[in-house]
Amino acid sequence: MSEEIHNVVDEAASDFNPKIVPVMREAIVMVQMILYRRLKEDVQTRYQDLSDHEKKWLAGAVVNNLFGTEAADPDVNVFARKNRAIIEQELRELKERAADLIPHLTDALRMQTICDNHEGVHSIPCLLLAKELGLFDQDRVLPMPSTFMIAVRKLGTECGLVEEMESSVPLVEPEK
């Protein structure tokens, strides 16, 4: 499995224009923000014993774990170490709690791996974790970067994170 993912990433990375890495990273962060917002709202109702800060930290720690990132805030890292069991439980339940986001998570994790590969970072373990958690659709076709960015923008619009883009080209010819 790991070798198969590695081969797919290498093949996709060879066709990937490194100039679009920063834009792709923005789209990946948008998916992370959407997942974070979803988790934050969900955690708010289920963990009454945690403070508001801890609820935010929990949601952030789950996203950080899935995407293999470390929080910039050292307090979040301390919280994550102390609450590893809760975070792992949240990761295992994510498949049910965020089922509609699985296609976007799959694409974002793949794109992250391709971007990382261009920068010499090995992030295939994130794909393997997502697959183990049921959050990675291995059969999903890898989208073109532009298709991924358009899909993420649409999702961001639906979630209220970005405004709908106005078309500069009329969709219908004006009648004369």
Protein backbone atom coordinates (compact mmCIF):
# COMPACT_ATOMS: atom_id res chain seq x y z
CA MET A 1 0.00 0.00 0.00
CA SER A 2 2.71 2.49 0.96
CA GLU A 3 4.66 1.75 -2.21
CA GLU A 4 1.49 2.20 -4.30
CA ILE A 5 0.80 5.61 -2.73
CA HIS A 6 4.45 6.57 -3.11
CA ASN A 7 4.35 5.71 -6.83
CA VAL A 8 1.15 7.71 -7.38
CA VAL A 9 2.60 10.73 -5.58
CA ASP A 10 5.86 10.54 -7.53
CA GLU A 11 3.98 10.31 -10.83
CA ALA A 12 1.69 13.23 -9.98
CA ALA A 13 4.57 15.32 -8.64
CA SER A 14 6.53 14.94 -11.87
CA ASP A 15 3.70 16.71 -13.76
CA PHE A 16 3.17 19.36 -11.08
CA ASN A 17 4.29 22.94 -11.69
CA PRO A 18 6.16 24.07 -8.55
CA LYS A 19 5.04 27.68 -9.15
CA ILE A 20 1.52 26.80 -8.01
CA VAL A 21 2.63 25.31 -4.67
CA PRO A 22 1.76 28.47 -2.67
CA VAL A 23 -1.73 28.63 -4.17
CA MET A 24 -2.24 24.93 -3.58
CA ARG A 25 -1.18 25.38 0.04
CA GLU A 26 -3.88 28.06 0.45
CA ALA A 27 -6.51 25.63 -0.82
CA ILE A 28 -5.22 22.92 1.54
CA VAL A 29 -5.43 25.35 4.46
CA MET A 30 -9.02 26.18 3.45
CA VAL A 31 -9.94 22.48 3.76
CA GLN A 32 -8.21 22.40 7.15
CA MET A 33 -10.15 25.49 8.27
CA ILE A 34 -13.45 23.96 7.18
CA LEU A 35 -12.68 20.75 9.06
CA TYR A 36 -11.60 22.76 12.11
CA ARG A 37 -14.83 24.78 12.13
CA ARG A 38 -16.89 21.62 11.82
CA LEU A 39 -15.00 19.94 14.65
CA LYS A 40 -15.07 23.02 16.86
CA GLU A 41 -18.88 23.21 16.63
CA ASP A 42 -19.22 19.47 17.23
CA VAL A 43 -16.81 19.42 20.18
CA GLN A 44 -18.62 22.38 21.72
CA THR A 45 -21.74 20.28 22.29
CA ARG A 46 -20.05 17.05 23.34
CA TYR A 47 -17.35 18.11 25.81
CA GLN A 48 -19.04 20.16 28.50
CA ASP A 49 -16.22 19.44 30.96
CA LEU A 50 -13.62 21.25 28.81
CA SER A 51 -13.09 25.01 28.82
CA ASP A 52 -13.75 26.97 25.63
CA HIS A 53 -9.99 27.17 24.99
CA GLU A 54 -9.60 23.42 25.44
CA LYS A 55 -12.46 22.72 23.03
CA LYS A 56 -10.74 24.84 20.37
CA TRP A 57 -7.44 23.16 21.14
CA LEU A 58 -9.03 19.72 20.78
CA ALA A 59 -10.48 20.55 17.37
CA GLY A 60 -7.15 22.02 16.28
CA ALA A 61 -5.17 19.05 17.57
CA VAL A 62 -7.34 16.65 15.56
CA VAL A 63 -6.76 18.65 12.36
CA ASN A 64 -3.04 18.97 13.12
CA ASN A 65 -2.75 15.21 13.65
CA LEU A 66 -4.55 14.39 10.43
CA PHE A 67 -2.44 16.78 8.35
CA GLY A 68 0.83 16.13 10.19
CA THR A 69 1.31 19.69 11.37
CA GLU A 70 2.35 21.08 14.72
CA ALA A 71 0.51 23.94 16.40
CA ALA A 72 2.34 27.24 16.64
CA ASP A 73 0.92 27.77 20.14
CA PRO A 74 2.93 25.75 22.69
CA ASP A 75 -0.15 25.50 24.95
CA VAL A 76 -1.95 23.55 22.22
CA ASN A 77 0.97 21.13 22.01
CA VAL A 78 0.94 20.61 25.78
CA PHE A 79 -2.82 20.04 25.66
CA ALA A 80 -2.40 17.55 22.78
CA ARG A 81 0.21 15.52 24.67
CA LYS A 82 -1.91 15.39 27.82
CA ASN A 83 -5.08 14.46 25.91
CA ARG A 84 -3.73 12.00 23.35
CA ALA A 85 -6.48 9.44 24.03
CA ILE A 86 -9.29 11.93 23.36
CA ILE A 87 -7.61 13.13 20.17
CA GLU A 88 -7.18 9.57 18.91
CA GLN A 89 -10.85 8.85 19.68
CA GLU A 90 -11.89 11.97 17.77
CA LEU A 91 -9.73 10.90 14.82
CA ARG A 92 -11.36 7.44 14.80
CA GLU A 93 -14.86 9.01 14.84
CA LEU A 94 -14.06 11.56 12.15
CA LYS A 95 -15.17 9.21 9.37
CA GLU A 96 -18.75 9.41 10.63
CA ARG A 97 -18.70 13.01 11.84
CA ALA A 98 -17.27 14.45 8.62
CA ALA A 99 -18.27 11.87 5.99
CA ASP A 100 -19.25 14.57 3.48
CA LEU A 101 -15.74 16.04 3.67
CA ILE A 102 -13.91 12.80 2.81
CA PRO A 103 -13.51 13.67 -0.91
CA HIS A 104 -12.08 17.08 0.02
CA LEU A 105 -9.84 15.59 2.71
CA THR A 106 -8.57 12.99 0.23
CA ASP A 107 -7.74 15.65 -2.34
CA ALA A 108 -6.20 18.04 0.21
CA LEU A 109 -3.99 15.34 1.71
CA ARG A 110 -2.84 14.23 -1.73
CA MET A 111 -2.11 17.80 -2.80
CA GLN A 112 -0.27 18.43 0.47
CA THR A 113 1.87 15.36 -0.16
CA ILE A 114 2.66 16.51 -3.69
CA CYS A 115 3.54 20.04 -2.49
CA ASP A 116 5.64 18.60 0.32
CA ASN A 117 7.40 16.28 -2.14
CA HIS A 118 8.43 19.33 -4.20
CA GLU A 119 9.90 20.84 -1.05
CA GLY A 120 11.73 17.67 -0.03
CA VAL A 121 9.34 16.77 2.80
CA HIS A 122 8.12 13.19 3.22
CA SER A 123 4.44 13.34 4.24
CA ILE A 124 3.08 10.03 2.96
CA PRO A 125 2.41 8.96 6.58
CA CYS A 126 -0.49 11.45 6.60
CA LEU A 127 -2.06 9.61 3.67
CA LEU A 128 -1.54 6.28 5.40
CA LEU A 129 -3.12 7.57 8.63
CA ALA A 130 -6.10 8.94 6.71
CA LYS A 131 -6.52 5.61 4.92
CA GLU A 132 -6.37 3.73 8.23
CA LEU A 133 -9.05 6.07 9.64
CA GLY A 134 -11.30 5.65 6.59
CA LEU A 135 -10.78 9.28 5.57
CA PHE A 136 -8.89 8.58 2.36
CA ASP A 137 -10.73 7.43 -0.75
CA GLN A 138 -7.99 5.53 -2.57
CA ASP A 139 -10.21 5.04 -5.64
CA ARG A 140 -10.85 8.76 -6.06
CA VAL A 141 -9.18 10.18 -9.16
CA LEU A 142 -6.48 12.74 -8.39
CA PRO A 143 -7.87 16.07 -9.60
CA MET A 144 -5.94 18.59 -11.62
CA PRO A 145 -4.71 21.44 -9.41
CA SER A 146 -7.19 23.89 -10.95
CA THR A 147 -10.07 21.47 -10.39
CA PHE A 148 -9.01 21.02 -6.78
CA MET A 149 -8.81 24.78 -6.19
CA ILE A 150 -12.23 25.37 -7.77
CA ALA A 151 -13.80 22.60 -5.66
CA VAL A 152 -12.23 24.00 -2.48
CA ARG A 153 -13.38 27.53 -3.33
CA LYS A 154 -16.92 26.23 -3.86
CA LEU A 155 -16.78 24.40 -0.53
CA GLY A 156 -15.40 27.54 1.14
CA THR A 157 -18.29 29.55 -0.30
CA GLU A 158 -20.83 26.99 0.93
CA CYS A 159 -19.26 27.14 4.41
CA GLY A 160 -19.18 30.93 4.46
CA LEU A 161 -15.39 31.27 4.48
CA VAL A 162 -15.12 33.02 1.12
CA GLU A 163 -17.48 35.03 -1.02
CA GLU A 164 -18.88 33.62 -4.22
CA MET A 165 -16.80 34.55 -7.22
CA GLU A 166 -18.58 36.69 -9.79
CA SER A 167 -18.16 35.59 -13.35
CA SER A 168 -16.65 38.24 -15.60
CA VAL A 169 -18.03 36.45 -18.64
CA PRO A 170 -21.80 36.46 -19.16
CA LEU A 171 -23.25 32.96 -19.00
CA VAL A 172 -25.94 33.83 -21.54
CA GLU A 173 -25.60 35.96 -24.64
CA PRO A 174 -27.60 39.19 -24.24
CA GLU A 175 -30.57 39.38 -26.61
CA LYS A 176 -30.42 42.04 -29.31
